[in-house]
Structure formats: C-alpha cells, structure tokens
Amino acid sequence: MSGAIVGAGDLLTFLDGCPTAAWAVRRVTEVLNERGFRRVSENSVWDIEPGERFYVVRSGSSIIAGIAGMGKPAVEGFRIVGAHTDFPGFRVKPDSERIREGLTTLGVEVYGSPILATWFDRDLTFAGTLIEKNGDTLSRRLFVLDQALCRISTPAIHLNKGMNEAFKINPEDHTPLILSSSGPAFDAVLEMACESAGIVRDSVAGWSIEVWDPQPASLSGIDGEFICSGRIDNLAMCHASVEALLHQEAAPHTALIALFNSEEVGSATVNGAASTFLPSILERMSGGREEYFRAVSNSLFVSADGAHAVHPNFAGKHDPSCRPIINGGPVLKINAKERYASSDISSAYIQSCADSAGVTLQRFVSRNDMPCGSTIGSITAARTGLSGVDVGSPMLSMHSVREMAGTRDHSAMISLLETHLRNQGQR
C-alpha cells in the first residue's frame, strides 16, 4: 500500500478510540491538553487572554476549542468550524433483558437513522457512561469494552426466501441483542463496565450504554486509498477540525472549532447545535451583548459533515451534473431549500479558501426527486445569525455500521479548514 497517505493512521487511531460521542470528546481533550490548551468552565469567571488556547466541554459529549484573537472580536470576528460527535446506532433500553427461546436478549432503541441491515451478523459490544455516586456528588465515568459480547442475527435464508429481494426489519421485534445462553447476563455487562471505568458496582447510580462494532478501522484499495470504518460520519470531520486548529497561530481574529452532540437526532438538546452552547461562548468571548452582535456580523461558520460520493453501482441516485467522487477533493454542499447553510457569497468564500490551499473543491446538489439530509450548518445560522457554508469529505455507505471514505480527501479537508481558520481578509 505504497500510496497510502501519510497521517491517515492518526485518523484510524482516532476512529478506533471513539466508540461514543463522549469518548470522542475525551480523545480531543487529551490532544488539546498535550498542545497547551487550557480547560475553562462555563460556571466560572473567564479570564482568557489574547492569543490563549482554551477549550470548554458541555455535558461530556460536546466541546468548543479555540485560540483567542489578538484583536477584539467585535472588530476582527470569529472563524469557526463546526462538526458533530455523534453517529447513528443503538442505545440499550432500561430493564430490557429477556430470556426468549432459551437465549438471553437485550432490548435496544434506535438512535438516529442507521442502515439497520448492516448491523446484523456483526460482532458487537458496548461502550458508554456510568454515573458514579459518591456521597451527594454524581459524576460521569466512561467505559469501553472491546471484546465481542453480543450480536443481532439474521434468520437463515431457508426461513426467509425473499431476503435477498427485500430484507424487511421491524426495529422493535428484530433488533434485540443476543447476549447469552446461560441465563441473565446484563449484570455481568455492568460489572465489566465498572472494571473498565475503574469504579465499584455499588457506586453506580445510572448508565447510558451504546452498542458499537469494535472491528478496527483500516485502509483498503490497491494503493491504500480508502478508509473503512464505523463512525466516519462524522468523526472524520471532528478529527479534521482539530488538526486544522492545531496548525493555527494567534491571529487578530479568534479561531474556534465547535463539535456538537445530537446532530443525528435533530440537535435540539442541551449540547446540540440548536442549544445555547456556541452563542454563549461567542458572547463571552466578545465581552458583551452589543459586541457579540457586531462580532457575529464579522464572522463565518463552516459546517463540516460527510458528503455523498457518487456510487458506481447506484449512479442514477445522483444529480447528472454534480457528481463528487472519492479522493476528488472536499465537497461544497448546496441546496435550494436551504437544508445547507451555503449561500452565493459563502460558497465563493470557501472556493477562495480552496484555491489558497491548493485543494480541488467538488460540488454536491441532490436530485429534485431525492431530498437531501440536513446538517448543523443551517441550524447554527438560524440560532446565531452567523453566515455559513456546508462542506464535507465524499464518502460511501453513509450511516452504515462500516463506512468508506478517501485518504486524500481527508488530508485535503484538513488543509481547507486550516486555511479557513487562518483567513483574515474575506468574510
């Protein structure tokens, strides 16, 4: 695989280390701490100095990090990149362990819109959060299990002759995890989770447990030009955002990245893109309400989320003219119904960033009979008044348990976002 892009291994390691949104934020904070960023709290008085590197975490699974500008935000504005830390999958339901037909099963709830069929017949396990009670104090403790513990099995084709024509899934009846043939087993899962988190079982006051596929991320293709992994949408853009920020130096404007949870379920949560998280940080950085409004008018937000590459076996699903390809460069996403934040002027802006970075910028629009999804771009624009643009790296199998993207696209996306965060002139 002599053609594999140098640095792709960093992304693979990141993907493997982030089985949940909270783990993604944990990994990001570890990197930021190593690079001299200081954690500040929303409930403390802020004393961030010009040029200082800092970050803020909300609810354990969203993070905003940045480099404070040398000038006043009301004059110099913000350059912001946004992405999301969550991804489609399953959450374990409370009190859902059942013994059926001699097997112990565990009920799950669908999170977001995964391609359900891709989760069947995979070696699955658990990761998530335990709530530790110590006196009157409640705190989150992360855990991750990497051994195969459960499975969602398909019926044999002999019992479902039409399976290859239409594999129909009832998300309630057909998705319970097969966990054991030896009786109740969920307590054993909790014991393993406690061991991973380094706490005792009796201290657990609550939990949030997610299902994940521990198969490691990998490079594929004759020249190692493809990345195959779970959670590429949208952890790859989180990784690119962090890398772009780490390449910045103090500038007149403030450079920020905002990595939100809950995008896959609409963003309307305490730490989603529709929350107060970003506007409250911008206002505090600006120094007041009036200064905040002035700063927003001088700022630009880039929403970075996975984009649809043309699928060679399903090419008719794509617009006949705008057909992004894997390893063809980052994608500018445009939608007449404004599901994306891209406008005429913000599209021209990101094209200028691509030109400065020496990056080819592809374009995506949906067919008129094929509605597109949405991103945090338009949500953030409506919530804050920030001018925005939507971009993403082209990928296949979006929302599958195992997705596919291009190594060259990822390095190009880092360059594009780095250029945006550094940009001082155009708005």
Protein backbone atom coordinates (compact mmCIF):
# COMPACT_ATOMS: atom_id res chain seq x y z
CA MET A 1 0.00 0.00 0.00
CA SER A 2 2.69 2.42 -1.03
CA GLY A 3 0.16 5.09 -1.98
CA ALA A 4 -1.38 5.39 1.48
CA ILE A 5 -1.44 8.97 2.67
CA VAL A 6 0.99 9.84 5.43
CA GLY A 7 -1.01 10.71 8.55
CA ALA A 8 -4.04 8.56 7.70
CA GLY A 9 -3.02 6.36 10.62
CA ASP A 10 -3.85 9.22 13.00
CA LEU A 11 -7.43 9.21 11.75
CA LEU A 12 -7.70 5.43 12.04
CA THR A 13 -6.45 5.59 15.63
CA PHE A 14 -8.95 8.35 16.40
CA LEU A 15 -11.86 6.38 14.93
CA ASP A 16 -10.90 3.27 16.90
CA GLY A 17 -10.69 5.29 20.12
CA CYS A 18 -14.11 6.92 19.83
CA PRO A 19 -16.89 4.37 20.30
CA THR A 20 -19.26 7.10 21.57
CA ALA A 21 -19.58 10.88 21.37
CA ALA A 22 -18.29 11.23 24.94
CA TRP A 23 -15.22 9.19 24.06
CA ALA A 24 -14.64 11.46 21.05
CA VAL A 25 -14.61 14.49 23.35
CA ARG A 26 -12.30 12.65 25.76
CA ARG A 27 -9.82 11.95 22.92
CA VAL A 28 -9.99 15.55 21.70
CA THR A 29 -9.33 16.94 25.18
CA GLU A 30 -6.32 14.64 25.58
CA VAL A 31 -4.81 16.07 22.39
CA LEU A 32 -5.61 19.66 23.36
CA ASN A 33 -4.09 19.23 26.81
CA GLU A 34 -0.89 17.94 25.22
CA ARG A 35 -0.77 21.01 22.98
CA GLY A 36 -1.14 23.58 25.72
CA PHE A 37 -4.88 24.30 25.63
CA ARG A 38 -6.43 25.25 28.97
CA ARG A 39 -9.81 23.95 30.05
CA VAL A 40 -12.24 26.61 31.21
CA SER A 41 -15.62 26.01 32.79
CA GLU A 42 -18.94 27.56 31.90
CA ASN A 43 -19.68 28.15 35.60
CA SER A 44 -16.51 30.14 36.30
CA VAL A 45 -15.45 33.71 35.63
CA TRP A 46 -13.48 33.82 32.39
CA ASP A 47 -10.08 35.43 32.11
CA ILE A 48 -9.00 34.29 28.64
CA GLU A 49 -6.09 36.36 27.40
CA PRO A 50 -5.47 37.35 23.75
CA GLY A 51 -3.63 34.54 21.99
CA GLU A 52 -4.55 31.96 24.65
CA ARG A 53 -5.52 28.41 23.70
CA PHE A 54 -8.58 27.14 25.54
CA TYR A 55 -11.49 24.72 25.41
CA VAL A 56 -14.92 24.25 27.03
CA VAL A 57 -16.83 20.97 27.44
CA ARG A 58 -20.59 20.74 27.90
CA SER A 59 -22.36 17.60 29.14
CA GLY A 60 -19.31 15.49 28.44
CA SER A 61 -20.01 14.99 24.74
CA SER A 62 -19.70 18.44 23.10
CA ILE A 63 -16.65 20.67 23.03
CA ILE A 64 -15.70 24.13 21.78
CA ALA A 65 -11.99 24.92 21.49
CA GLY A 66 -10.10 27.85 20.13
CA ILE A 67 -7.32 30.38 20.06
CA ALA A 68 -8.38 33.79 21.32
CA GLY A 69 -7.71 36.57 18.84
CA MET A 70 -5.22 39.35 19.45
CA GLY A 71 -7.88 41.83 18.38
CA LYS A 72 -11.40 42.49 19.60
CA PRO A 73 -13.97 40.01 18.22
CA ALA A 74 -16.38 42.90 17.54
CA VAL A 75 -13.85 44.16 15.00
CA GLU A 76 -11.97 41.05 13.84
CA GLY A 77 -14.73 38.45 14.18
CA PHE A 78 -14.57 34.66 14.50
CA ARG A 79 -13.54 31.91 12.10
CA ILE A 80 -15.41 28.78 13.18
CA VAL A 81 -15.57 25.15 12.06
CA GLY A 82 -18.45 23.01 13.28
CA ALA A 83 -18.89 19.24 13.22
CA HIS A 84 -20.75 16.64 15.27
CA THR A 85 -19.53 13.92 17.59
CA ASP A 86 -22.48 11.54 17.39
CA PHE A 87 -23.41 8.85 14.85
CA PRO A 88 -26.35 6.53 14.18
CA GLY A 89 -26.62 3.29 16.10
CA PHE A 90 -28.32 1.71 19.09
CA ARG A 91 -28.77 2.52 22.77
CA VAL A 92 -29.55 -0.16 25.37
CA LYS A 93 -33.06 0.17 26.81
CA PRO A 94 -33.55 0.12 30.59
CA ASP A 95 -34.99 -3.06 32.11
CA SER A 96 -34.97 -4.78 28.73
CA GLU A 97 -33.22 -8.09 29.46
CA ARG A 98 -35.41 -11.04 28.45
CA ILE A 99 -34.96 -14.80 28.14
CA ARG A 100 -36.63 -15.95 24.96
CA GLU A 101 -36.40 -19.37 23.37
CA GLY A 102 -33.54 -20.26 25.68
CA LEU A 103 -31.42 -17.19 24.81
CA THR A 104 -30.89 -14.02 26.81
CA THR A 105 -31.65 -10.90 24.77
CA LEU A 106 -31.25 -7.21 25.50
CA GLY A 107 -33.57 -4.62 24.00
CA VAL A 108 -32.15 -1.59 22.20
CA GLU A 109 -33.51 1.71 20.95
CA VAL A 110 -32.56 3.05 17.54
CA TYR A 111 -30.54 6.29 17.65
CA GLY A 112 -30.66 8.42 14.53
CA SER A 113 -31.13 6.68 11.20
CA PRO A 114 -28.65 3.81 10.84
CA ILE A 115 -28.79 1.38 7.92
CA LEU A 116 -30.24 -1.30 10.15
CA ALA A 117 -29.37 -4.28 7.95
CA THR A 118 -25.64 -3.52 8.23
CA TRP A 119 -25.73 -4.11 12.00
CA PHE A 120 -26.89 -7.69 11.62
CA ASP A 121 -24.40 -10.55 11.90
CA ARG A 122 -21.64 -8.35 13.31
CA ASP A 123 -19.54 -8.98 16.42
CA LEU A 124 -20.81 -6.19 18.66
CA THR A 125 -20.09 -4.92 22.15
CA PHE A 126 -20.74 -1.96 24.46
CA ALA A 127 -19.38 1.45 25.44
CA GLY A 128 -20.83 4.40 27.26
CA THR A 129 -21.15 6.22 30.54
CA LEU A 130 -21.68 5.15 34.12
CA ILE A 131 -22.94 7.63 36.69
CA GLU A 132 -20.94 7.25 39.90
CA LYS A 133 -22.49 8.41 43.16
CA ASN A 134 -20.03 9.48 45.83
CA GLY A 135 -21.91 10.96 48.77
CA ASP A 136 -24.09 13.70 47.31
CA THR A 137 -21.93 14.01 44.17
CA LEU A 138 -22.81 12.48 40.81
CA SER A 139 -20.13 12.21 38.13
CA ARG A 140 -19.73 10.60 34.73
CA ARG A 141 -17.27 7.75 34.20
CA LEU A 142 -16.59 6.48 30.68
CA PHE A 143 -16.17 2.82 29.89
CA VAL A 144 -15.45 0.83 26.75
CA LEU A 145 -15.50 -2.90 26.13
CA ASP A 146 -13.74 -4.21 23.04
CA GLN A 147 -14.46 -7.94 23.19
CA ALA A 148 -17.41 -9.30 21.19
CA LEU A 149 -20.30 -9.71 23.64
CA CYS A 150 -23.49 -9.60 21.58
CA ARG A 151 -24.98 -9.97 18.13
CA ILE A 152 -28.09 -9.19 16.09
CA SER A 153 -28.57 -12.29 13.96
CA THR A 154 -30.46 -12.69 10.70
CA PRO A 155 -32.76 -15.62 10.06
CA ALA A 156 -31.38 -18.24 7.68
CA ILE A 157 -32.29 -17.70 4.04
CA HIS A 158 -34.12 -21.04 4.16
CA LEU A 159 -36.57 -19.42 6.60
CA ASN A 160 -36.90 -16.19 4.63
CA LYS A 161 -36.70 -16.98 0.94
CA GLY A 162 -37.20 -13.39 -0.17
CA MET A 163 -34.42 -11.95 1.99
CA ASN A 164 -32.18 -11.00 -0.93
CA GLU A 165 -35.02 -9.18 -2.64
CA ALA A 166 -36.23 -7.23 0.40
CA PHE A 167 -34.74 -7.61 3.86
CA LYS A 168 -37.52 -6.04 5.91
CA ILE A 169 -36.68 -5.24 9.53
CA ASN A 170 -39.01 -4.38 12.35
CA PRO A 171 -36.81 -2.15 14.54
CA GLU A 172 -38.57 -3.30 17.71
CA ASP A 173 -39.01 -7.02 17.13
CA HIS A 174 -35.86 -7.88 15.20
CA THR A 175 -33.07 -5.87 16.86
CA PRO A 176 -32.77 -7.20 20.45
CA LEU A 177 -29.17 -8.26 21.07
CA ILE A 178 -28.42 -11.93 21.65
CA LEU A 179 -26.31 -11.82 24.79
CA SER A 180 -26.10 -15.27 26.37
CA SER A 181 -27.38 -18.85 26.50
CA SER A 182 -26.62 -19.17 30.21
CA GLY A 183 -29.32 -17.06 31.79
CA PRO A 184 -29.34 -13.40 32.89
CA ALA A 185 -26.19 -11.61 31.75
CA PHE A 186 -26.72 -7.84 31.93
CA ASP A 187 -25.31 -7.63 35.44
CA ALA A 188 -22.12 -9.20 34.07
CA VAL A 189 -22.00 -6.46 31.43
CA LEU A 190 -22.31 -3.81 34.14
CA GLU A 191 -19.53 -5.48 36.14
CA MET A 192 -17.24 -5.38 33.11
CA ALA A 193 -18.21 -1.75 32.50
CA CYS A 194 -17.34 -0.87 36.11
CA GLU A 195 -13.99 -2.57 35.79
CA SER A 196 -13.29 -0.60 32.62
CA ALA A 197 -14.30 2.67 34.30
CA GLY A 198 -12.37 1.88 37.49
CA ILE A 199 -15.32 2.13 39.86
CA VAL A 200 -17.21 -0.31 42.09
CA ARG A 201 -20.60 -1.68 41.13
CA ASP A 202 -22.35 -0.41 44.26
CA SER A 203 -21.48 3.19 43.36
CA VAL A 204 -23.35 3.11 40.03
CA ALA A 205 -26.45 5.30 40.14
CA GLY A 206 -27.23 5.28 36.41
CA TRP A 207 -25.87 4.50 32.98
CA SER A 208 -26.04 5.23 29.26
CA ILE A 209 -24.89 2.24 27.22
CA GLU A 210 -24.36 2.22 23.47
CA VAL A 211 -23.73 -0.63 21.06
CA TRP A 212 -20.64 -0.43 18.88
CA ASP A 213 -18.71 -2.53 16.41
CA PRO A 214 -15.11 -2.92 17.64
CA GLN A 215 -13.67 -4.01 14.28
CA PRO A 216 -10.66 -1.71 13.79
CA ALA A 217 -10.61 0.98 11.13
CA SER A 218 -8.49 0.02 8.14
CA LEU A 219 -7.06 1.18 4.84
CA SER A 220 -8.23 -0.66 1.74
CA GLY A 221 -7.81 -0.43 -2.02
CA ILE A 222 -4.80 -1.42 -4.10
CA ASP A 223 -2.90 1.71 -3.01
CA GLY A 224 -4.46 2.06 0.44
CA GLU A 225 -6.55 4.94 -0.84
CA PHE A 226 -9.73 4.14 1.09
CA ILE A 227 -10.58 4.40 4.78
CA CYS A 228 -13.09 1.83 6.01
CA SER A 229 -14.52 2.17 9.50
CA GLY A 230 -17.55 2.80 11.60
CA ARG A 231 -18.30 6.37 12.67
CA ILE A 232 -16.57 8.13 9.75
CA ASP A 233 -19.71 10.29 9.64
CA ASN A 234 -18.88 12.49 11.40
CA LEU A 235 -15.79 11.71 13.46
CA ALA A 236 -13.59 12.20 10.40
CA MET A 237 -14.67 15.84 10.26
CA CYS A 238 -14.11 16.20 14.01
CA HIS A 239 -10.57 14.93 13.51
CA ALA A 240 -10.00 17.28 10.57
CA SER A 241 -11.32 20.22 12.60
CA VAL A 242 -8.96 19.50 15.50
CA GLU A 243 -6.00 19.08 13.17
CA ALA A 244 -6.82 22.37 11.45
CA LEU A 245 -6.98 24.17 14.79
CA LEU A 246 -3.68 22.71 15.98
CA HIS A 247 -1.97 24.21 12.93
CA GLN A 248 -3.05 27.76 13.86
CA GLU A 249 -1.09 30.55 15.45
CA ALA A 250 -2.55 33.55 17.27
CA ALA A 251 -4.11 35.97 14.81
CA PRO A 252 -6.18 39.17 15.01
CA HIS A 253 -9.41 37.12 14.80
CA THR A 254 -10.47 34.25 17.09
CA ALA A 255 -10.31 30.72 15.63
CA LEU A 256 -12.80 28.19 17.02
CA ILE A 257 -13.97 24.64 16.46
CA ALA A 258 -17.36 23.53 17.79
CA LEU A 259 -18.04 19.80 17.99
CA PHE A 260 -21.67 19.17 18.95
CA ASN A 261 -23.54 16.08 20.07
CA SER A 262 -27.09 15.13 18.95
CA GLU A 263 -26.94 16.08 15.26
CA GLU A 264 -28.31 12.68 14.25
CA VAL A 265 -31.46 13.29 16.31
CA GLY A 266 -32.10 16.93 15.39
CA SER A 267 -29.62 18.94 17.51
CA ALA A 268 -32.32 20.24 19.88
CA THR A 269 -30.55 19.19 23.10
CA VAL A 270 -28.61 20.93 25.85
CA ASN A 271 -25.36 20.46 23.93
CA GLY A 272 -26.56 20.25 20.34
CA ALA A 273 -26.10 22.83 17.61
CA ALA A 274 -29.54 24.28 18.41
CA SER A 275 -28.55 24.88 22.04
CA THR A 276 -27.05 27.94 23.70
CA PHE A 277 -23.57 26.41 23.73
CA LEU A 278 -21.97 28.23 20.81
CA PRO A 279 -23.78 31.60 21.14
CA SER A 280 -22.98 31.76 24.85
CA ILE A 281 -19.28 31.16 24.18
CA LEU A 282 -19.23 33.74 21.40
CA GLU A 283 -20.89 36.32 23.61
CA ARG A 284 -18.47 35.72 26.49
CA MET A 285 -15.50 35.92 24.11
CA SER A 286 -16.91 39.15 22.64
CA GLY A 287 -17.21 40.88 26.00
CA GLY A 288 -20.91 41.71 25.99
CA ARG A 289 -24.18 41.63 24.09
CA GLU A 290 -23.56 44.58 21.78
CA GLU A 291 -20.04 43.39 20.99
CA TYR A 292 -21.37 39.87 20.34
CA PHE A 293 -23.79 41.08 17.66
CA ARG A 294 -21.02 43.06 15.99
CA ALA A 295 -18.67 40.08 16.13
CA VAL A 296 -21.22 37.73 14.56
CA SER A 297 -21.63 40.06 11.59
CA ASN A 298 -17.86 39.87 11.02
CA SER A 299 -17.64 36.07 11.28
CA LEU A 300 -18.07 32.94 9.20
CA PHE A 301 -19.04 29.39 10.16
CA VAL A 302 -18.01 26.31 8.17
CA SER A 303 -20.16 23.26 8.83
CA ALA A 304 -18.12 20.12 8.09
CA ASP A 305 -20.09 16.90 7.66
CA GLY A 306 -19.80 13.86 5.41
CA ALA A 307 -20.88 14.31 1.78
CA HIS A 308 -22.35 11.78 -0.64
CA ALA A 309 -19.88 10.50 -3.23
CA VAL A 310 -21.29 9.07 -6.46
CA HIS A 311 -21.79 5.34 -6.05
CA PRO A 312 -20.68 3.49 -9.22
CA ASN A 313 -23.36 0.83 -8.73
CA PHE A 314 -26.15 3.32 -7.97
CA ALA A 315 -25.13 6.27 -10.15
CA GLY A 316 -28.75 7.05 -11.01
CA LYS A 317 -29.34 8.21 -7.43
CA HIS A 318 -27.19 11.28 -8.06
CA ASP A 319 -27.63 14.58 -9.88
CA PRO A 320 -26.48 14.21 -13.50
CA SER A 321 -24.09 17.18 -13.29
CA CYS A 322 -22.71 17.49 -9.74
CA ARG A 323 -21.10 14.13 -9.04
CA PRO A 324 -18.44 14.16 -6.32
CA ILE A 325 -16.02 11.25 -6.33
CA ILE A 326 -13.96 9.73 -3.54
CA ASN A 327 -10.45 11.20 -3.49
CA GLY A 328 -11.61 14.01 -5.76
CA GLY A 329 -11.40 16.63 -3.00
CA PRO A 330 -13.70 18.21 -0.37
CA VAL A 331 -17.30 18.85 -1.37
CA LEU A 332 -19.26 22.11 -1.22
CA LYS A 333 -22.89 21.24 -0.45
CA ILE A 334 -25.69 23.34 -1.96
CA ASN A 335 -29.46 23.07 -1.59
CA ALA A 336 -32.20 25.37 -2.94
CA LYS A 337 -34.42 24.53 0.03
CA GLU A 338 -31.56 25.75 2.25
CA ARG A 339 -31.10 22.49 4.14
CA TYR A 340 -27.45 23.51 3.90
CA ALA A 341 -26.11 26.90 5.02
CA SER A 342 -24.21 27.58 1.78
CA SER A 343 -25.10 30.85 0.06
CA ASP A 344 -23.73 32.54 -3.04
CA ILE A 345 -21.21 34.60 -1.08
CA SER A 346 -20.22 31.91 1.42
CA SER A 347 -19.75 29.44 -1.45
CA ALA A 348 -17.45 31.92 -3.16
CA TYR A 349 -15.59 32.36 0.13
CA ILE A 350 -14.91 28.64 0.61
CA GLN A 351 -13.84 28.38 -3.03
CA SER A 352 -11.25 31.09 -2.36
CA CYS A 353 -10.05 29.12 0.66
CA ALA A 354 -9.74 26.01 -1.51
CA ASP A 355 -7.77 27.98 -4.12
CA SER A 356 -5.42 29.31 -1.45
CA ALA A 357 -4.94 25.82 -0.02
CA GLY A 358 -4.33 24.27 -3.45
CA VAL A 359 -7.33 22.00 -2.95
CA THR A 360 -9.88 20.93 -5.56
CA LEU A 361 -13.42 21.71 -4.40
CA GLN A 362 -16.21 19.50 -5.70
CA ARG A 363 -19.92 20.33 -5.55
CA PHE A 364 -22.97 18.40 -4.46
CA VAL A 365 -26.65 19.02 -5.10
CA SER A 366 -29.43 16.47 -4.75
CA ARG A 367 -31.70 15.27 -7.50
CA ASN A 368 -35.07 17.00 -7.37
CA ASP A 369 -36.68 13.64 -6.60
CA MET A 370 -34.10 12.75 -3.93
CA PRO A 371 -34.29 15.09 -0.88
CA CYS A 372 -31.01 15.71 0.91
CA GLY A 373 -30.34 15.40 4.61
CA SER A 374 -29.58 18.32 6.87
CA THR A 375 -26.55 19.43 8.87
CA ILE A 376 -25.69 21.73 11.76
CA GLY A 377 -24.96 24.49 9.23
CA SER A 378 -28.45 25.90 8.76
CA ILE A 379 -29.32 25.21 12.43
CA THR A 380 -26.31 27.23 13.59
CA ALA A 381 -27.01 30.02 11.13
CA ALA A 382 -30.59 30.35 12.38
CA ARG A 383 -29.54 30.14 16.04
CA THR A 384 -26.71 32.67 15.88
CA GLY A 385 -27.00 34.75 12.72
CA LEU A 386 -23.61 33.52 11.54
CA SER A 387 -23.01 33.40 7.81
CA GLY A 388 -22.27 29.77 6.99
CA VAL A 389 -21.26 27.26 4.37
CA ASP A 390 -21.53 23.46 4.28
CA VAL A 391 -18.67 21.22 3.19
CA GLY A 392 -17.73 17.59 3.69
CA SER A 393 -15.49 14.80 2.51
CA PRO A 394 -17.12 12.48 -0.05
CA MET A 395 -17.99 9.03 1.25
CA LEU A 396 -19.96 5.87 0.52
CA SER A 397 -22.16 3.76 2.82
CA MET A 398 -23.10 6.76 4.96
CA HIS A 399 -24.91 5.60 8.14
CA SER A 400 -23.76 2.02 7.65
CA VAL A 401 -22.10 0.26 10.58
CA ARG A 402 -18.97 0.45 8.40
CA GLU A 403 -18.49 3.41 6.08
CA MET A 404 -15.95 4.26 3.37
CA ALA A 405 -14.04 7.45 2.53
CA GLY A 406 -10.81 8.55 0.84
CA THR A 407 -7.41 9.18 2.41
CA ARG A 408 -6.53 12.02 0.04
CA ASP A 409 -9.83 13.74 0.74
CA HIS A 410 -9.13 13.77 4.46
CA SER A 411 -5.76 15.48 4.13
CA ALA A 412 -7.29 17.95 1.65
CA MET A 413 -10.12 18.72 4.07
CA ILE A 414 -7.63 19.48 6.83
CA SER A 415 -5.88 21.93 4.51
CA LEU A 416 -9.18 23.58 3.56
CA LEU A 417 -10.31 24.03 7.17
CA GLU A 418 -6.86 25.19 8.21
CA THR A 419 -6.98 27.89 5.55
CA HIS A 420 -10.45 29.00 6.66
CA LEU A 421 -9.41 29.27 10.32
CA ARG A 422 -6.36 31.31 9.31
CA ASN A 423 -8.24 33.58 6.88
CA GLN A 424 -8.20 37.21 8.00
CA GLY A 425 -9.39 39.17 4.99
CA GLN A 426 -12.51 37.81 3.31
CA ARG A 427 -15.87 37.47 5.04
